[in-house]
Amino acid sequence: MDLAAASQSDQQQLAMTKNLRHRLDGYLAVALRSNQHQVSAYNQLLNWKGRVLSRQQAVRIAMDAPDLVPIFQKLQTVTGQLANTVFATPAPPQLESWKAKVQSLSQEKEDLERQLATKSAEYRTA
């Protein structure tokens, strides 16, 4: 969901969350019936509910700080590239180069997120 969200509007993110809600509901039903995973189920529910809001907050924080804007824009670009690459699984002959590209983009995304978190406590919290 996070990768797809990089190239979606807030409305599209909310619609995707709504469309995938059945997966969370199924997990919660099984976890609660098992009497073994209630804490995990509760954490998943809270995580699910806060996903879109958290992404929206991070965007607002980054865009309100002029020194963070270039890093955040690069992060959005790299995340979009990563999403497009991940969702375009290649045929077997190109699989190794595809894996390398996914790894490279993932590392670049993590580096940019680390830069933002280092420069902004508000972003880190969001």
N, C-alpha and C. Protein backbone atom coordinates (compact mmCIF):
# COMPACT_ATOMS: atom_id res chain seq x y z
N MET A 1 0.82 -1.19 0.00
CA MET A 1 0.00 0.00 0.00
C MET A 1 0.86 1.25 0.00
N ASP A 2 1.95 1.23 0.76
CA ASP A 2 2.79 2.42 0.83
C ASP A 2 3.42 2.75 -0.51
N LEU A 3 3.85 1.74 -1.24
CA LEU A 3 4.45 2.00 -2.54
C LEU A 3 3.43 2.58 -3.51
N ALA A 4 2.26 1.99 -3.55
CA ALA A 4 1.22 2.48 -4.46
C ALA A 4 0.81 3.90 -4.09
N ALA A 5 0.79 4.20 -2.81
CA ALA A 5 0.36 5.52 -2.34
C ALA A 5 1.25 6.64 -2.84
N ALA A 6 2.49 6.32 -3.14
CA ALA A 6 3.43 7.34 -3.59
C ALA A 6 2.97 8.03 -4.86
N SER A 7 2.21 7.33 -5.67
CA SER A 7 1.76 7.92 -6.93
C SER A 7 0.26 8.16 -6.95
N GLN A 8 -0.35 8.20 -5.78
CA GLN A 8 -1.80 8.39 -5.70
C GLN A 8 -2.16 9.66 -4.94
N SER A 9 -3.31 10.20 -5.27
CA SER A 9 -3.85 11.32 -4.51
C SER A 9 -4.39 10.80 -3.18
N ASP A 10 -4.74 11.71 -2.28
CA ASP A 10 -5.32 11.30 -1.00
C ASP A 10 -6.59 10.48 -1.22
N GLN A 11 -7.43 10.92 -2.14
CA GLN A 11 -8.68 10.21 -2.43
C GLN A 11 -8.41 8.79 -2.94
N GLN A 12 -7.42 8.66 -3.80
CA GLN A 12 -7.07 7.34 -4.32
C GLN A 12 -6.53 6.45 -3.21
N GLN A 13 -5.74 7.02 -2.31
CA GLN A 13 -5.23 6.25 -1.18
C GLN A 13 -6.36 5.76 -0.30
N LEU A 14 -7.32 6.63 -0.03
CA LEU A 14 -8.47 6.23 0.79
C LEU A 14 -9.29 5.14 0.10
N ALA A 15 -9.47 5.27 -1.22
CA ALA A 15 -10.22 4.26 -1.96
C ALA A 15 -9.49 2.92 -1.94
N MET A 16 -8.17 2.94 -2.10
CA MET A 16 -7.40 1.70 -2.07
C MET A 16 -7.51 1.05 -0.69
N THR A 17 -7.41 1.86 0.35
CA THR A 17 -7.54 1.35 1.71
C THR A 17 -8.90 0.69 1.90
N LYS A 18 -9.93 1.33 1.40
CA LYS A 18 -11.30 0.78 1.52
C LYS A 18 -11.41 -0.54 0.74
N ASN A 19 -10.84 -0.57 -0.46
CA ASN A 19 -10.92 -1.79 -1.28
C ASN A 19 -10.16 -2.96 -0.69
N LEU A 20 -9.12 -2.69 0.08
CA LEU A 20 -8.32 -3.77 0.66
C LEU A 20 -8.71 -4.09 2.10
N ARG A 21 -9.71 -3.42 2.61
CA ARG A 21 -10.11 -3.59 4.01
C ARG A 21 -10.50 -5.04 4.34
N HIS A 22 -11.03 -5.77 3.36
CA HIS A 22 -11.44 -7.15 3.60
C HIS A 22 -10.27 -8.02 4.08
N ARG A 23 -9.05 -7.68 3.65
CA ARG A 23 -7.89 -8.44 4.10
C ARG A 23 -7.65 -8.25 5.59
N LEU A 24 -7.77 -7.02 6.04
CA LEU A 24 -7.62 -6.74 7.46
C LEU A 24 -8.73 -7.42 8.25
N ASP A 25 -9.95 -7.31 7.76
CA ASP A 25 -11.08 -7.92 8.45
C ASP A 25 -10.90 -9.43 8.60
N GLY A 26 -10.43 -10.08 7.55
CA GLY A 26 -10.19 -11.52 7.62
C GLY A 26 -9.12 -11.87 8.64
N TYR A 27 -8.04 -11.10 8.64
CA TYR A 27 -6.97 -11.33 9.61
C TYR A 27 -7.48 -11.15 11.03
N LEU A 28 -8.23 -10.07 11.25
CA LEU A 28 -8.75 -9.81 12.60
C LEU A 28 -9.68 -10.93 13.06
N ALA A 29 -10.52 -11.42 12.18
CA ALA A 29 -11.45 -12.49 12.54
C ALA A 29 -10.68 -13.75 12.97
N VAL A 30 -9.67 -14.12 12.20
CA VAL A 30 -8.89 -15.31 12.53
C VAL A 30 -8.09 -15.10 13.81
N ALA A 31 -7.47 -13.94 13.94
CA ALA A 31 -6.64 -13.66 15.12
C ALA A 31 -7.48 -13.66 16.39
N LEU A 32 -8.64 -13.08 16.35
CA LEU A 32 -9.47 -13.01 17.55
C LEU A 32 -10.05 -14.37 17.92
N ARG A 33 -10.39 -15.17 16.93
CA ARG A 33 -10.91 -16.52 17.21
C ARG A 33 -9.85 -17.44 17.79
N SER A 34 -8.60 -17.19 17.44
CA SER A 34 -7.53 -18.08 17.90
C SER A 34 -7.16 -17.85 19.36
N ASN A 35 -7.55 -16.72 19.91
CA ASN A 35 -7.22 -16.37 21.29
C ASN A 35 -5.71 -16.34 21.54
N GLN A 36 -4.92 -16.12 20.50
CA GLN A 36 -3.47 -16.10 20.65
C GLN A 36 -2.84 -14.82 20.13
N HIS A 37 -3.51 -14.10 19.29
CA HIS A 37 -2.87 -12.98 18.61
C HIS A 37 -3.64 -11.67 18.77
N GLN A 38 -4.27 -11.46 19.90
CA GLN A 38 -5.07 -10.25 20.09
C GLN A 38 -4.23 -8.98 20.03
N VAL A 39 -3.06 -8.99 20.65
CA VAL A 39 -2.21 -7.79 20.65
C VAL A 39 -1.75 -7.47 19.23
N SER A 40 -1.34 -8.48 18.51
CA SER A 40 -0.92 -8.27 17.12
C SER A 40 -2.08 -7.74 16.28
N ALA A 41 -3.27 -8.30 16.49
CA ALA A 41 -4.44 -7.85 15.74
C ALA A 41 -4.75 -6.39 16.05
N TYR A 42 -4.67 -6.01 17.30
CA TYR A 42 -4.92 -4.63 17.70
C TYR A 42 -3.90 -3.70 17.06
N ASN A 43 -2.63 -4.10 17.06
CA ASN A 43 -1.58 -3.28 16.44
C ASN A 43 -1.81 -3.12 14.94
N GLN A 44 -2.22 -4.20 14.28
CA GLN A 44 -2.50 -4.13 12.84
C GLN A 44 -3.66 -3.18 12.56
N LEU A 45 -4.68 -3.24 13.38
CA LEU A 45 -5.84 -2.36 13.20
C LEU A 45 -5.43 -0.90 13.35
N LEU A 46 -4.68 -0.58 14.39
CA LEU A 46 -4.23 0.80 14.59
C LEU A 46 -3.33 1.26 13.45
N ASN A 47 -2.45 0.38 13.00
CA ASN A 47 -1.56 0.70 11.89
C ASN A 47 -2.37 1.01 10.63
N TRP A 48 -3.35 0.19 10.36
CA TRP A 48 -4.20 0.35 9.18
C TRP A 48 -4.92 1.69 9.21
N LYS A 49 -5.50 2.01 10.35
CA LYS A 49 -6.27 3.24 10.47
C LYS A 49 -5.40 4.49 10.33
N GLY A 50 -4.15 4.41 10.72
CA GLY A 50 -3.30 5.58 10.69
C GLY A 50 -2.47 5.77 9.43
N ARG A 51 -2.53 4.82 8.50
CA ARG A 51 -1.67 4.84 7.32
C ARG A 51 -1.81 6.11 6.48
N VAL A 52 -3.01 6.39 6.01
CA VAL A 52 -3.21 7.53 5.12
C VAL A 52 -2.94 8.83 5.85
N LEU A 53 -3.44 8.94 7.08
CA LEU A 53 -3.21 10.15 7.87
C LEU A 53 -1.71 10.39 8.06
N SER A 54 -0.99 9.36 8.37
CA SER A 54 0.45 9.48 8.58
C SER A 54 1.16 9.98 7.32
N ARG A 55 0.79 9.43 6.17
CA ARG A 55 1.40 9.87 4.91
C ARG A 55 1.06 11.34 4.65
N GLN A 56 -0.19 11.73 4.91
CA GLN A 56 -0.60 13.12 4.69
C GLN A 56 0.18 14.07 5.60
N GLN A 57 0.37 13.69 6.85
CA GLN A 57 1.12 14.53 7.78
C GLN A 57 2.57 14.68 7.34
N ALA A 58 3.17 13.61 6.92
CA ALA A 58 4.57 13.66 6.48
C ALA A 58 4.72 14.59 5.28
N VAL A 59 3.78 14.55 4.36
CA VAL A 59 3.82 15.43 3.19
C VAL A 59 3.72 16.89 3.63
N ARG A 60 2.76 17.19 4.49
CA ARG A 60 2.58 18.57 4.96
C ARG A 60 3.82 19.09 5.68
N ILE A 61 4.38 18.28 6.54
CA ILE A 61 5.57 18.69 7.30
C ILE A 61 6.72 18.98 6.35
N ALA A 62 6.96 18.07 5.42
CA ALA A 62 8.08 18.24 4.50
C ALA A 62 7.88 19.45 3.59
N MET A 63 6.67 19.69 3.14
CA MET A 63 6.42 20.81 2.24
C MET A 63 6.43 22.16 2.96
N ASP A 64 6.25 22.17 4.26
CA ASP A 64 6.27 23.41 5.04
C ASP A 64 7.67 23.84 5.44
N ALA A 65 8.65 22.97 5.25
CA ALA A 65 10.03 23.30 5.60
C ALA A 65 10.84 23.43 4.32
N PRO A 66 11.21 24.65 3.94
CA PRO A 66 11.88 24.86 2.66
C PRO A 66 13.14 24.01 2.45
N ASP A 67 13.89 23.75 3.53
CA ASP A 67 15.10 22.96 3.37
C ASP A 67 14.82 21.48 3.13
N LEU A 68 13.60 21.03 3.44
CA LEU A 68 13.23 19.63 3.23
C LEU A 68 12.59 19.38 1.87
N VAL A 69 12.10 20.43 1.22
CA VAL A 69 11.36 20.26 -0.03
C VAL A 69 12.15 19.50 -1.09
N PRO A 70 13.41 19.84 -1.39
CA PRO A 70 14.12 19.08 -2.43
C PRO A 70 14.29 17.61 -2.09
N ILE A 71 14.57 17.32 -0.83
CA ILE A 71 14.73 15.92 -0.41
C ILE A 71 13.40 15.19 -0.53
N PHE A 72 12.34 15.84 -0.10
CA PHE A 72 11.03 15.21 -0.15
C PHE A 72 10.58 14.98 -1.59
N GLN A 73 10.83 15.95 -2.47
CA GLN A 73 10.47 15.77 -3.87
C GLN A 73 11.25 14.62 -4.50
N LYS A 74 12.52 14.51 -4.15
CA LYS A 74 13.32 13.39 -4.64
C LYS A 74 12.78 12.07 -4.10
N LEU A 75 12.38 12.07 -2.82
CA LEU A 75 11.79 10.87 -2.22
C LEU A 75 10.52 10.46 -2.96
N GLN A 76 9.68 11.43 -3.29
CA GLN A 76 8.45 11.11 -4.02
C GLN A 76 8.78 10.51 -5.39
N THR A 77 9.77 11.08 -6.07
CA THR A 77 10.16 10.57 -7.38
C THR A 77 10.69 9.15 -7.29
N VAL A 78 11.59 8.92 -6.35
CA VAL A 78 12.19 7.60 -6.19
C VAL A 78 11.13 6.57 -5.77
N THR A 79 10.23 6.96 -4.87
CA THR A 79 9.18 6.05 -4.43
C THR A 79 8.25 5.70 -5.59
N GLY A 80 7.93 6.67 -6.42
CA GLY A 80 7.11 6.40 -7.60
C GLY A 80 7.80 5.45 -8.57
N GLN A 81 9.11 5.67 -8.76
CA GLN A 81 9.88 4.77 -9.63
C GLN A 81 9.91 3.36 -9.05
N LEU A 82 10.07 3.28 -7.75
CA LEU A 82 10.09 1.97 -7.10
C LEU A 82 8.75 1.27 -7.25
N ALA A 83 7.67 2.01 -7.04
CA ALA A 83 6.33 1.41 -7.20
C ALA A 83 6.12 0.90 -8.61
N ASN A 84 6.48 1.72 -9.59
CA ASN A 84 6.31 1.30 -10.99
C ASN A 84 7.16 0.08 -11.30
N THR A 85 8.36 0.04 -10.77
CA THR A 85 9.25 -1.10 -11.02
C THR A 85 8.72 -2.37 -10.36
N VAL A 86 8.31 -2.26 -9.10
CA VAL A 86 7.81 -3.43 -8.37
C VAL A 86 6.57 -4.02 -9.04
N PHE A 87 5.68 -3.15 -9.49
CA PHE A 87 4.42 -3.63 -10.07
C PHE A 87 4.57 -4.07 -11.52
N ALA A 88 5.75 -3.93 -12.10
CA ALA A 88 6.00 -4.35 -13.48
C ALA A 88 6.98 -5.52 -13.48
N THR A 89 6.61 -6.61 -12.85
CA THR A 89 7.48 -7.77 -12.76
C THR A 89 7.82 -8.27 -14.17
N PRO A 90 9.11 -8.41 -14.46
CA PRO A 90 9.53 -8.78 -15.81
C PRO A 90 9.49 -10.28 -16.08
N ALA A 91 9.75 -10.60 -17.33
CA ALA A 91 9.91 -12.00 -17.73
C ALA A 91 11.24 -12.51 -17.16
N PRO A 92 11.38 -13.83 -17.03
CA PRO A 92 12.59 -14.41 -16.42
C PRO A 92 13.93 -13.89 -16.94
N PRO A 93 14.12 -13.62 -18.25
CA PRO A 93 15.44 -13.15 -18.67
C PRO A 93 15.87 -11.82 -18.03
N GLN A 94 14.92 -10.96 -17.70
CA GLN A 94 15.26 -9.66 -17.11
C GLN A 94 15.12 -9.65 -15.58
N LEU A 95 14.85 -10.79 -14.99
CA LEU A 95 14.55 -10.85 -13.55
C LEU A 95 15.71 -10.36 -12.69
N GLU A 96 16.93 -10.71 -13.02
CA GLU A 96 18.07 -10.30 -12.20
C GLU A 96 18.28 -8.79 -12.24
N SER A 97 18.18 -8.19 -13.42
CA SER A 97 18.34 -6.73 -13.51
C SER A 97 17.17 -6.03 -12.81
N TRP A 98 15.98 -6.61 -12.89
CA TRP A 98 14.82 -6.06 -12.18
C TRP A 98 15.05 -6.09 -10.67
N LYS A 99 15.54 -7.21 -10.16
CA LYS A 99 15.83 -7.32 -8.72
C LYS A 99 16.86 -6.28 -8.30
N ALA A 100 17.89 -6.10 -9.11
CA ALA A 100 18.93 -5.12 -8.79
C ALA A 100 18.36 -3.71 -8.77
N LYS A 101 17.50 -3.41 -9.72
CA LYS A 101 16.88 -2.08 -9.77
C LYS A 101 15.98 -1.85 -8.55
N VAL A 102 15.20 -2.87 -8.18
CA VAL A 102 14.35 -2.76 -6.99
C VAL A 102 15.21 -2.53 -5.75
N GLN A 103 16.30 -3.27 -5.64
CA GLN A 103 17.21 -3.11 -4.49
C GLN A 103 17.82 -1.72 -4.46
N SER A 104 18.27 -1.24 -5.59
CA SER A 104 18.89 0.08 -5.67
C SER A 104 17.90 1.18 -5.32
N LEU A 105 16.71 1.12 -5.87
CA LEU A 105 15.69 2.13 -5.58
C LEU A 105 15.24 2.05 -4.12
N SER A 106 15.13 0.85 -3.59
CA SER A 106 14.76 0.68 -2.18
C SER A 106 15.80 1.32 -1.26
N GLN A 107 17.08 1.11 -1.58
CA GLN A 107 18.15 1.70 -0.78
C GLN A 107 18.13 3.22 -0.88
N GLU A 108 17.92 3.72 -2.08
CA GLU A 108 17.87 5.18 -2.26
C GLU A 108 16.69 5.78 -1.49
N LYS A 109 15.55 5.10 -1.51
CA LYS A 109 14.37 5.55 -0.77
C LYS A 109 14.67 5.58 0.73
N GLU A 110 15.28 4.54 1.24
CA GLU A 110 15.62 4.49 2.66
C GLU A 110 16.60 5.60 3.04
N ASP A 111 17.57 5.86 2.17
CA ASP A 111 18.53 6.93 2.44
C ASP A 111 17.84 8.29 2.50
N LEU A 112 16.92 8.54 1.58
CA LEU A 112 16.20 9.81 1.58
C LEU A 112 15.30 9.93 2.81
N GLU A 113 14.64 8.85 3.18
CA GLU A 113 13.81 8.88 4.40
C GLU A 113 14.67 9.14 5.63
N ARG A 114 15.84 8.56 5.66
CA ARG A 114 16.76 8.78 6.78
C ARG A 114 17.19 10.25 6.83
N GLN A 115 17.47 10.84 5.66
CA GLN A 115 17.84 12.25 5.62
C GLN A 115 16.72 13.13 6.16
N LEU A 116 15.49 12.86 5.74
CA LEU A 116 14.35 13.64 6.22
C LEU A 116 14.18 13.48 7.73
N ALA A 117 14.28 12.26 8.20
CA ALA A 117 14.11 12.00 9.63
C ALA A 117 15.22 12.66 10.44
N THR A 118 16.42 12.69 9.91
CA THR A 118 17.54 13.31 10.60
C THR A 118 17.37 14.83 10.69
N LYS A 119 16.83 15.42 9.62
CA LYS A 119 16.71 16.88 9.58
C LYS A 119 15.44 17.41 10.22
N SER A 120 14.45 16.53 10.48
CA SER A 120 13.18 17.03 11.01
C SER A 120 12.59 16.06 12.04
N ALA A 121 12.54 16.52 13.26
CA ALA A 121 11.91 15.72 14.32
C ALA A 121 10.42 15.54 14.05
N GLU A 122 9.78 16.56 13.49
CA GLU A 122 8.35 16.46 13.17
C GLU A 122 8.10 15.37 12.12
N TYR A 123 8.95 15.34 11.09
CA TYR A 123 8.80 14.31 10.06
C TYR A 123 9.03 12.93 10.67
N ARG A 124 10.04 12.83 11.50
CA ARG A 124 10.37 11.56 12.15
C ARG A 124 9.17 11.06 12.96
N THR A 125 8.54 11.94 13.68
CA THR A 125 7.37 11.58 14.49
C THR A 125 6.19 11.16 13.62
N ALA A 126 5.96 11.90 12.54
CA ALA A 126 4.84 11.57 11.64
C ALA A 126 5.08 10.24 10.98
